[in-house]
Amino acid sequence: MIALLGLLRLQTRRPLSFADLSISAGLIFLPIGGRWLLLSRLGMEPMGFQEPLVLLTAAHFHLAGFVLPVLSGLA
């Protein structure tokens, strides 16, 4: 649902500023990190990656894909 909010923000904001684009991108990337975390907790090996790399990818997407774009957009 939060990714849909990000897509909706992209469509409705005109003119699209860097701050709006950054916040929307962060909202879109959050479910991607969630999927990697779910795969990690289920013990799956997506694309042949093993633990702890799957868990680290989830943490990376939450920080670099969600937190940093949203904070830079708000700043």
N, C-alpha and C. Protein backbone atom coordinates (compact mmCIF):
# COMPACT_ATOMS: atom_id res chain seq x y z
N MET A 1 0.82 -1.19 0.00
CA MET A 1 0.00 0.00 0.00
C MET A 1 0.87 1.26 0.00
N ILE A 2 1.99 1.19 0.70
CA ILE A 2 2.83 2.38 0.77
C ILE A 2 3.50 2.66 -0.58
N ALA A 3 3.79 1.61 -1.34
CA ALA A 3 4.34 1.81 -2.68
C ALA A 3 3.30 2.46 -3.59
N LEU A 4 2.06 2.09 -3.42
CA LEU A 4 0.99 2.73 -4.21
C LEU A 4 0.88 4.21 -3.86
N LEU A 5 1.07 4.54 -2.59
CA LEU A 5 1.09 5.95 -2.20
C LEU A 5 2.23 6.69 -2.90
N GLY A 6 3.39 6.04 -2.97
CA GLY A 6 4.51 6.65 -3.67
C GLY A 6 4.22 6.88 -5.15
N LEU A 7 3.60 5.90 -5.79
CA LEU A 7 3.23 6.06 -7.21
C LEU A 7 2.18 7.14 -7.39
N LEU A 8 1.24 7.20 -6.47
CA LEU A 8 0.20 8.23 -6.53
C LEU A 8 0.80 9.62 -6.37
N ARG A 9 1.78 9.74 -5.49
CA ARG A 9 2.47 11.03 -5.31
C ARG A 9 3.18 11.46 -6.59
N LEU A 10 3.76 10.48 -7.30
CA LEU A 10 4.45 10.80 -8.55
C LEU A 10 3.48 11.33 -9.61
N GLN A 11 2.27 10.78 -9.62
CA GLN A 11 1.30 11.16 -10.65
C GLN A 11 0.61 12.49 -10.34
N THR A 12 0.41 12.78 -9.06
CA THR A 12 -0.39 13.95 -8.71
C THR A 12 0.41 15.21 -8.47
N ARG A 13 1.68 15.12 -8.21
CA ARG A 13 2.50 16.31 -7.91
C ARG A 13 3.02 16.92 -9.20
N ARG A 14 2.59 18.09 -9.51
CA ARG A 14 3.10 18.84 -10.68
C ARG A 14 3.27 20.28 -10.31
N PRO A 15 4.35 20.91 -10.56
CA PRO A 15 5.59 20.33 -11.10
C PRO A 15 6.27 19.47 -10.04
N LEU A 16 6.94 18.46 -10.50
CA LEU A 16 7.57 17.49 -9.61
C LEU A 16 8.93 18.02 -9.17
N SER A 17 9.05 18.32 -7.89
CA SER A 17 10.33 18.81 -7.37
C SER A 17 11.22 17.63 -6.98
N PHE A 18 12.48 17.94 -6.71
CA PHE A 18 13.41 16.90 -6.27
C PHE A 18 12.94 16.30 -4.96
N ALA A 19 12.42 17.12 -4.06
CA ALA A 19 11.96 16.63 -2.77
C ALA A 19 10.80 15.65 -2.95
N ASP A 20 9.84 15.97 -3.80
CA ASP A 20 8.72 15.07 -4.05
C ASP A 20 9.18 13.76 -4.69
N LEU A 21 10.09 13.86 -5.64
CA LEU A 21 10.62 12.67 -6.30
C LEU A 21 11.37 11.78 -5.32
N SER A 22 12.15 12.39 -4.45
CA SER A 22 12.93 11.64 -3.49
C SER A 22 12.03 10.91 -2.48
N ILE A 23 11.04 11.60 -1.96
CA ILE A 23 10.13 10.98 -1.00
C ILE A 23 9.35 9.86 -1.66
N SER A 24 8.87 10.09 -2.87
CA SER A 24 8.10 9.06 -3.58
C SER A 24 8.96 7.83 -3.86
N ALA A 25 10.20 8.04 -4.25
CA ALA A 25 11.10 6.91 -4.50
C ALA A 25 11.33 6.10 -3.23
N GLY A 26 11.50 6.79 -2.11
CA GLY A 26 11.67 6.08 -0.85
C GLY A 26 10.46 5.24 -0.50
N LEU A 27 9.27 5.76 -0.74
CA LEU A 27 8.05 5.02 -0.45
C LEU A 27 7.92 3.79 -1.36
N ILE A 28 8.38 3.93 -2.59
CA ILE A 28 8.29 2.81 -3.54
C ILE A 28 9.30 1.71 -3.17
N PHE A 29 10.48 2.08 -2.65
CA PHE A 29 11.50 1.09 -2.32
C PHE A 29 11.24 0.34 -1.02
N LEU A 30 10.39 0.86 -0.13
CA LEU A 30 10.17 0.21 1.15
C LEU A 30 9.66 -1.22 1.02
N PRO A 31 8.66 -1.51 0.19
CA PRO A 31 8.22 -2.91 0.07
C PRO A 31 9.27 -3.85 -0.52
N ILE A 32 10.20 -3.32 -1.29
CA ILE A 32 11.27 -4.16 -1.83
C ILE A 32 12.15 -4.66 -0.68
N GLY A 33 12.49 -3.77 0.24
CA GLY A 33 13.25 -4.19 1.42
C GLY A 33 12.47 -5.18 2.27
N GLY A 34 11.17 -4.97 2.36
CA GLY A 34 10.33 -5.89 3.11
C GLY A 34 10.30 -7.28 2.51
N ARG A 35 10.30 -7.34 1.19
CA ARG A 35 10.31 -8.65 0.53
C ARG A 35 11.63 -9.39 0.80
N TRP A 36 12.74 -8.67 0.74
CA TRP A 36 14.03 -9.30 1.02
C TRP A 36 14.09 -9.78 2.47
N LEU A 37 13.52 -9.00 3.39
CA LEU A 37 13.49 -9.43 4.79
C LEU A 37 12.64 -10.68 4.96
N LEU A 38 11.50 -10.72 4.30
CA LEU A 38 10.65 -11.90 4.36
C LEU A 38 11.37 -13.12 3.80
N LEU A 39 12.04 -12.95 2.67
CA LEU A 39 12.79 -14.07 2.09
C LEU A 39 13.88 -14.54 3.03
N SER A 40 14.53 -13.61 3.71
CA SER A 40 15.57 -13.97 4.66
C SER A 40 15.01 -14.78 5.81
N ARG A 41 13.89 -14.34 6.36
CA ARG A 41 13.30 -15.03 7.52
C ARG A 41 12.71 -16.38 7.14
N LEU A 42 12.31 -16.54 5.88
CA LEU A 42 11.80 -17.83 5.42
C LEU A 42 12.93 -18.80 5.07
N GLY A 43 14.16 -18.32 5.09
CA GLY A 43 15.30 -19.17 4.79
C GLY A 43 15.49 -19.43 3.30
N MET A 44 14.89 -18.61 2.47
CA MET A 44 15.00 -18.81 1.02
C MET A 44 16.31 -18.20 0.52
N GLU A 45 16.70 -18.62 -0.66
CA GLU A 45 17.93 -18.13 -1.28
C GLU A 45 17.60 -17.53 -2.65
N PRO A 46 17.09 -16.30 -2.68
CA PRO A 46 16.72 -15.69 -3.96
C PRO A 46 17.96 -15.45 -4.82
N MET A 47 17.84 -15.80 -6.08
CA MET A 47 18.91 -15.62 -7.06
C MET A 47 20.22 -16.27 -6.62
N GLY A 48 20.13 -17.29 -5.77
CA GLY A 48 21.32 -18.00 -5.32
C GLY A 48 22.06 -17.35 -4.17
N PHE A 49 21.57 -16.23 -3.66
CA PHE A 49 22.23 -15.57 -2.53
C PHE A 49 21.87 -16.28 -1.24
N GLN A 50 22.85 -16.43 -0.37
CA GLN A 50 22.64 -17.11 0.90
C GLN A 50 22.69 -16.11 2.05
N GLU A 51 22.30 -16.58 3.23
CA GLU A 51 22.42 -15.77 4.43
C GLU A 51 23.90 -15.54 4.73
N PRO A 52 24.33 -14.46 5.26
CA PRO A 52 23.59 -13.30 5.72
C PRO A 52 23.38 -12.24 4.63
N LEU A 53 23.75 -12.56 3.40
CA LEU A 53 23.66 -11.56 2.34
C LEU A 53 22.21 -11.14 2.07
N VAL A 54 21.27 -12.06 2.19
CA VAL A 54 19.87 -11.73 1.96
C VAL A 54 19.39 -10.76 3.05
N LEU A 55 19.75 -11.02 4.29
CA LEU A 55 19.38 -10.13 5.39
C LEU A 55 20.06 -8.76 5.24
N LEU A 56 21.30 -8.74 4.84
CA LEU A 56 22.00 -7.47 4.65
C LEU A 56 21.40 -6.67 3.50
N THR A 57 20.91 -7.36 2.47
CA THR A 57 20.25 -6.68 1.37
C THR A 57 18.96 -6.03 1.86
N ALA A 58 18.23 -6.71 2.71
CA ALA A 58 17.01 -6.13 3.29
C ALA A 58 17.34 -4.88 4.10
N ALA A 59 18.38 -4.96 4.91
CA ALA A 59 18.78 -3.79 5.71
C ALA A 59 19.23 -2.65 4.80
N HIS A 60 19.94 -2.98 3.73
CA HIS A 60 20.40 -1.96 2.79
C HIS A 60 19.23 -1.25 2.12
N PHE A 61 18.23 -2.01 1.68
CA PHE A 61 17.07 -1.40 1.03
C PHE A 61 16.29 -0.53 2.00
N HIS A 62 16.22 -0.92 3.27
CA HIS A 62 15.49 -0.09 4.23
C HIS A 62 16.23 1.21 4.51
N LEU A 63 17.54 1.16 4.57
CA LEU A 63 18.29 2.38 4.85
C LEU A 63 18.50 3.21 3.60
N ALA A 64 19.16 2.63 2.61
CA ALA A 64 19.51 3.39 1.40
C ALA A 64 18.32 3.59 0.47
N GLY A 65 17.35 2.70 0.52
CA GLY A 65 16.22 2.81 -0.39
C GLY A 65 15.03 3.54 0.18
N PHE A 66 14.89 3.56 1.52
CA PHE A 66 13.74 4.21 2.13
C PHE A 66 14.14 5.41 2.98
N VAL A 67 14.94 5.20 3.99
CA VAL A 67 15.22 6.25 4.96
C VAL A 67 15.97 7.42 4.34
N LEU A 68 17.04 7.15 3.62
CA LEU A 68 17.84 8.24 3.07
C LEU A 68 17.09 9.09 2.03
N PRO A 69 16.35 8.50 1.07
CA PRO A 69 15.60 9.36 0.15
C PRO A 69 14.51 10.18 0.84
N VAL A 70 13.83 9.58 1.80
CA VAL A 70 12.77 10.33 2.49
C VAL A 70 13.38 11.47 3.31
N LEU A 71 14.45 11.20 4.04
CA LEU A 71 15.08 12.27 4.81
C LEU A 71 15.66 13.37 3.93
N SER A 72 16.26 13.00 2.80
CA SER A 72 16.80 14.03 1.91
C SER A 72 15.67 14.83 1.28
N GLY A 73 14.55 14.19 1.00
CA GLY A 73 13.40 14.92 0.46
C GLY A 73 12.80 15.87 1.48
N LEU A 74 12.78 15.46 2.74
CA LEU A 74 12.25 16.32 3.78
C LEU A 74 13.19 17.46 4.13
N ALA A 75 14.50 17.23 3.93
CA ALA A 75 15.48 18.28 4.24
C ALA A 75 15.42 19.35 3.18
